[in-house]
Amino acid sequence: MMARILIVEDTPGNMLLTSIMLESGGHTLYCAERARAGIDIARAQRPDLILMDVQMPELDGIAAVAILKAEPLTQAIPVAALTAYVMKGDRERMLAAGFDGYIEKPIDYDSFMAEVARLLGPAPPA
């Protein structure tokens, strides 16, 4: 299933890696280096999925997901945390903060693509 996916990530290497993996799946991408820009793109484009870095300057991913989930326009869009927080309890903490999914860094291709597919949901029947 081709989807429209917004990546919000302030590290160029991680942005490049996630972009290459998603483009190989035929997805259309929107990219933002900061949370506020990402929120603006989400409002304007209403993507099918948002991949949100947790640690960013100015506004972090946890604050950004709270804004997205509070707005009727964007609240139904699934948001996955892209994070280097991989200690025990971090996944639960991210899900409790409003994220719909959790992707660990460094990114593993198979688990990354599986989580993206899970968040996009079943493909519509042809």
Protein backbone atom coordinates (compact mmCIF):
# COMPACT_ATOMS: atom_id res chain seq x y z
CA MET A 1 0.00 0.00 0.00
CA MET A 2 1.37 3.37 -0.97
CA ALA A 3 0.95 5.92 1.78
CA ARG A 4 1.75 9.55 2.49
CA ILE A 5 4.21 9.64 5.38
CA LEU A 6 5.58 12.63 7.29
CA ILE A 7 9.03 12.23 8.84
CA VAL A 8 9.95 14.71 11.58
CA GLU A 9 13.63 14.20 12.35
CA ASP A 10 16.41 16.68 13.15
CA THR A 11 19.37 14.38 12.43
CA PRO A 12 20.22 14.40 8.68
CA GLY A 13 21.56 10.84 8.67
CA ASN A 14 18.41 9.44 10.29
CA MET A 15 16.21 11.48 7.92
CA LEU A 16 18.13 10.09 4.94
CA LEU A 17 17.96 6.50 6.19
CA THR A 18 14.22 6.54 6.93
CA SER A 19 13.53 8.33 3.63
CA ILE A 20 15.42 5.73 1.60
CA MET A 21 13.64 2.84 3.35
CA LEU A 22 10.20 4.37 2.85
CA GLU A 23 10.81 5.45 -0.75
CA SER A 24 11.83 1.87 -1.54
CA GLY A 25 8.29 0.94 -0.46
CA GLY A 26 6.81 3.47 -2.89
CA HIS A 27 5.54 5.88 -0.24
CA THR A 28 5.18 9.63 -0.74
CA LEU A 29 7.22 11.52 1.85
CA TYR A 30 7.02 14.86 3.59
CA CYS A 31 10.01 15.85 5.71
CA ALA A 32 10.51 18.35 8.52
CA GLU A 33 13.58 18.98 10.66
CA ARG A 34 11.64 20.56 13.54
CA ALA A 35 8.42 19.66 15.35
CA ARG A 36 6.64 22.96 14.66
CA ALA A 37 7.26 22.64 10.91
CA GLY A 38 6.08 19.02 11.13
CA ILE A 39 2.85 20.06 12.84
CA ASP A 40 2.23 22.65 10.09
CA ILE A 41 2.79 20.00 7.38
CA ALA A 42 0.49 17.56 9.22
CA ARG A 43 -2.27 20.19 9.33
CA ALA A 44 -1.87 21.05 5.64
CA GLN A 45 -1.28 17.58 4.15
CA ARG A 46 -3.00 15.22 6.63
CA PRO A 47 -0.57 12.34 5.96
CA ASP A 48 -1.46 8.68 6.59
CA LEU A 49 1.33 8.32 9.16
CA ILE A 50 3.76 10.53 11.07
CA LEU A 51 7.19 9.31 12.23
CA MET A 52 8.29 11.69 14.99
CA ASP A 53 11.75 11.99 16.50
CA VAL A 54 11.41 12.33 20.27
CA GLN A 55 14.53 14.38 21.05
CA MET A 56 14.52 17.67 19.10
CA PRO A 57 15.40 21.26 19.93
CA GLU A 58 12.68 23.86 20.62
CA LEU A 59 9.75 21.45 20.84
CA ASP A 60 10.26 17.74 21.50
CA GLY A 61 8.27 14.90 20.00
CA ILE A 62 6.27 14.29 23.18
CA ALA A 63 5.02 17.89 23.19
CA ALA A 64 4.39 17.73 19.44
CA VAL A 65 2.30 14.54 19.63
CA ALA A 66 0.19 16.14 22.38
CA ILE A 67 -0.56 19.07 20.04
CA LEU A 68 -1.40 16.76 17.11
CA LYS A 69 -3.66 14.53 19.22
CA ALA A 70 -5.49 17.55 20.66
CA GLU A 71 -6.55 18.88 17.25
CA PRO A 72 -9.57 17.42 15.42
CA LEU A 73 -7.78 17.86 12.07
CA THR A 74 -4.78 15.69 13.04
CA GLN A 75 -5.88 13.58 16.02
CA ALA A 76 -6.72 10.48 13.94
CA ILE A 77 -3.29 10.35 12.22
CA PRO A 78 -1.13 7.58 13.72
CA VAL A 79 2.16 8.89 15.12
CA ALA A 80 5.17 6.66 15.80
CA ALA A 81 7.98 7.69 18.13
CA LEU A 82 11.41 7.46 16.48
CA THR A 83 13.67 7.26 19.47
CA ALA A 84 17.00 6.31 20.96
CA TYR A 85 15.18 5.94 24.31
CA VAL A 86 15.29 2.15 24.51
CA MET A 87 15.48 1.50 28.23
CA LYS A 88 12.95 -0.66 30.04
CA GLY A 89 9.68 1.25 30.29
CA ASP A 90 10.44 3.73 27.51
CA ARG A 91 8.07 2.07 25.01
CA GLU A 92 5.25 2.22 27.59
CA ARG A 93 6.11 5.83 28.42
CA MET A 94 5.95 6.84 24.74
CA LEU A 95 2.63 5.05 24.19
CA ALA A 96 1.24 6.67 27.36
CA ALA A 97 2.33 10.08 26.00
CA GLY A 98 0.07 9.58 22.97
CA PHE A 99 2.25 7.87 20.39
CA ASP A 100 0.59 5.04 18.46
CA GLY A 101 3.84 3.21 17.76
CA TYR A 102 7.47 3.01 18.79
CA ILE A 103 10.55 2.62 16.56
CA GLU A 104 13.96 2.20 18.14
CA LYS A 105 17.15 3.82 16.90
CA PRO A 106 19.43 2.63 15.50
CA ILE A 107 16.75 1.61 13.03
CA ASP A 108 16.47 -2.03 12.03
CA TYR A 109 15.03 -2.29 8.50
CA ASP A 110 12.74 -5.28 9.10
CA SER A 111 11.25 -4.09 12.38
CA PHE A 112 10.95 -0.53 11.02
CA MET A 113 9.02 -1.64 7.93
CA ALA A 114 6.85 -4.01 10.02
CA GLU A 115 5.87 -1.19 12.41
CA VAL A 116 5.12 1.19 9.52
CA ALA A 117 2.91 -1.50 7.92
CA ARG A 118 1.15 -2.15 11.25
CA LEU A 119 0.43 1.56 11.77
CA LEU A 120 -0.86 2.01 8.22
CA GLY A 121 -3.29 -0.85 8.82
CA PRO A 122 -4.56 -3.50 6.44
CA ALA A 123 -4.41 -2.67 2.76
CA PRO A 124 -7.85 -1.88 1.32
CA PRO A 125 -9.26 -4.67 -0.86
CA ALA A 126 -8.54 -4.22 -4.56
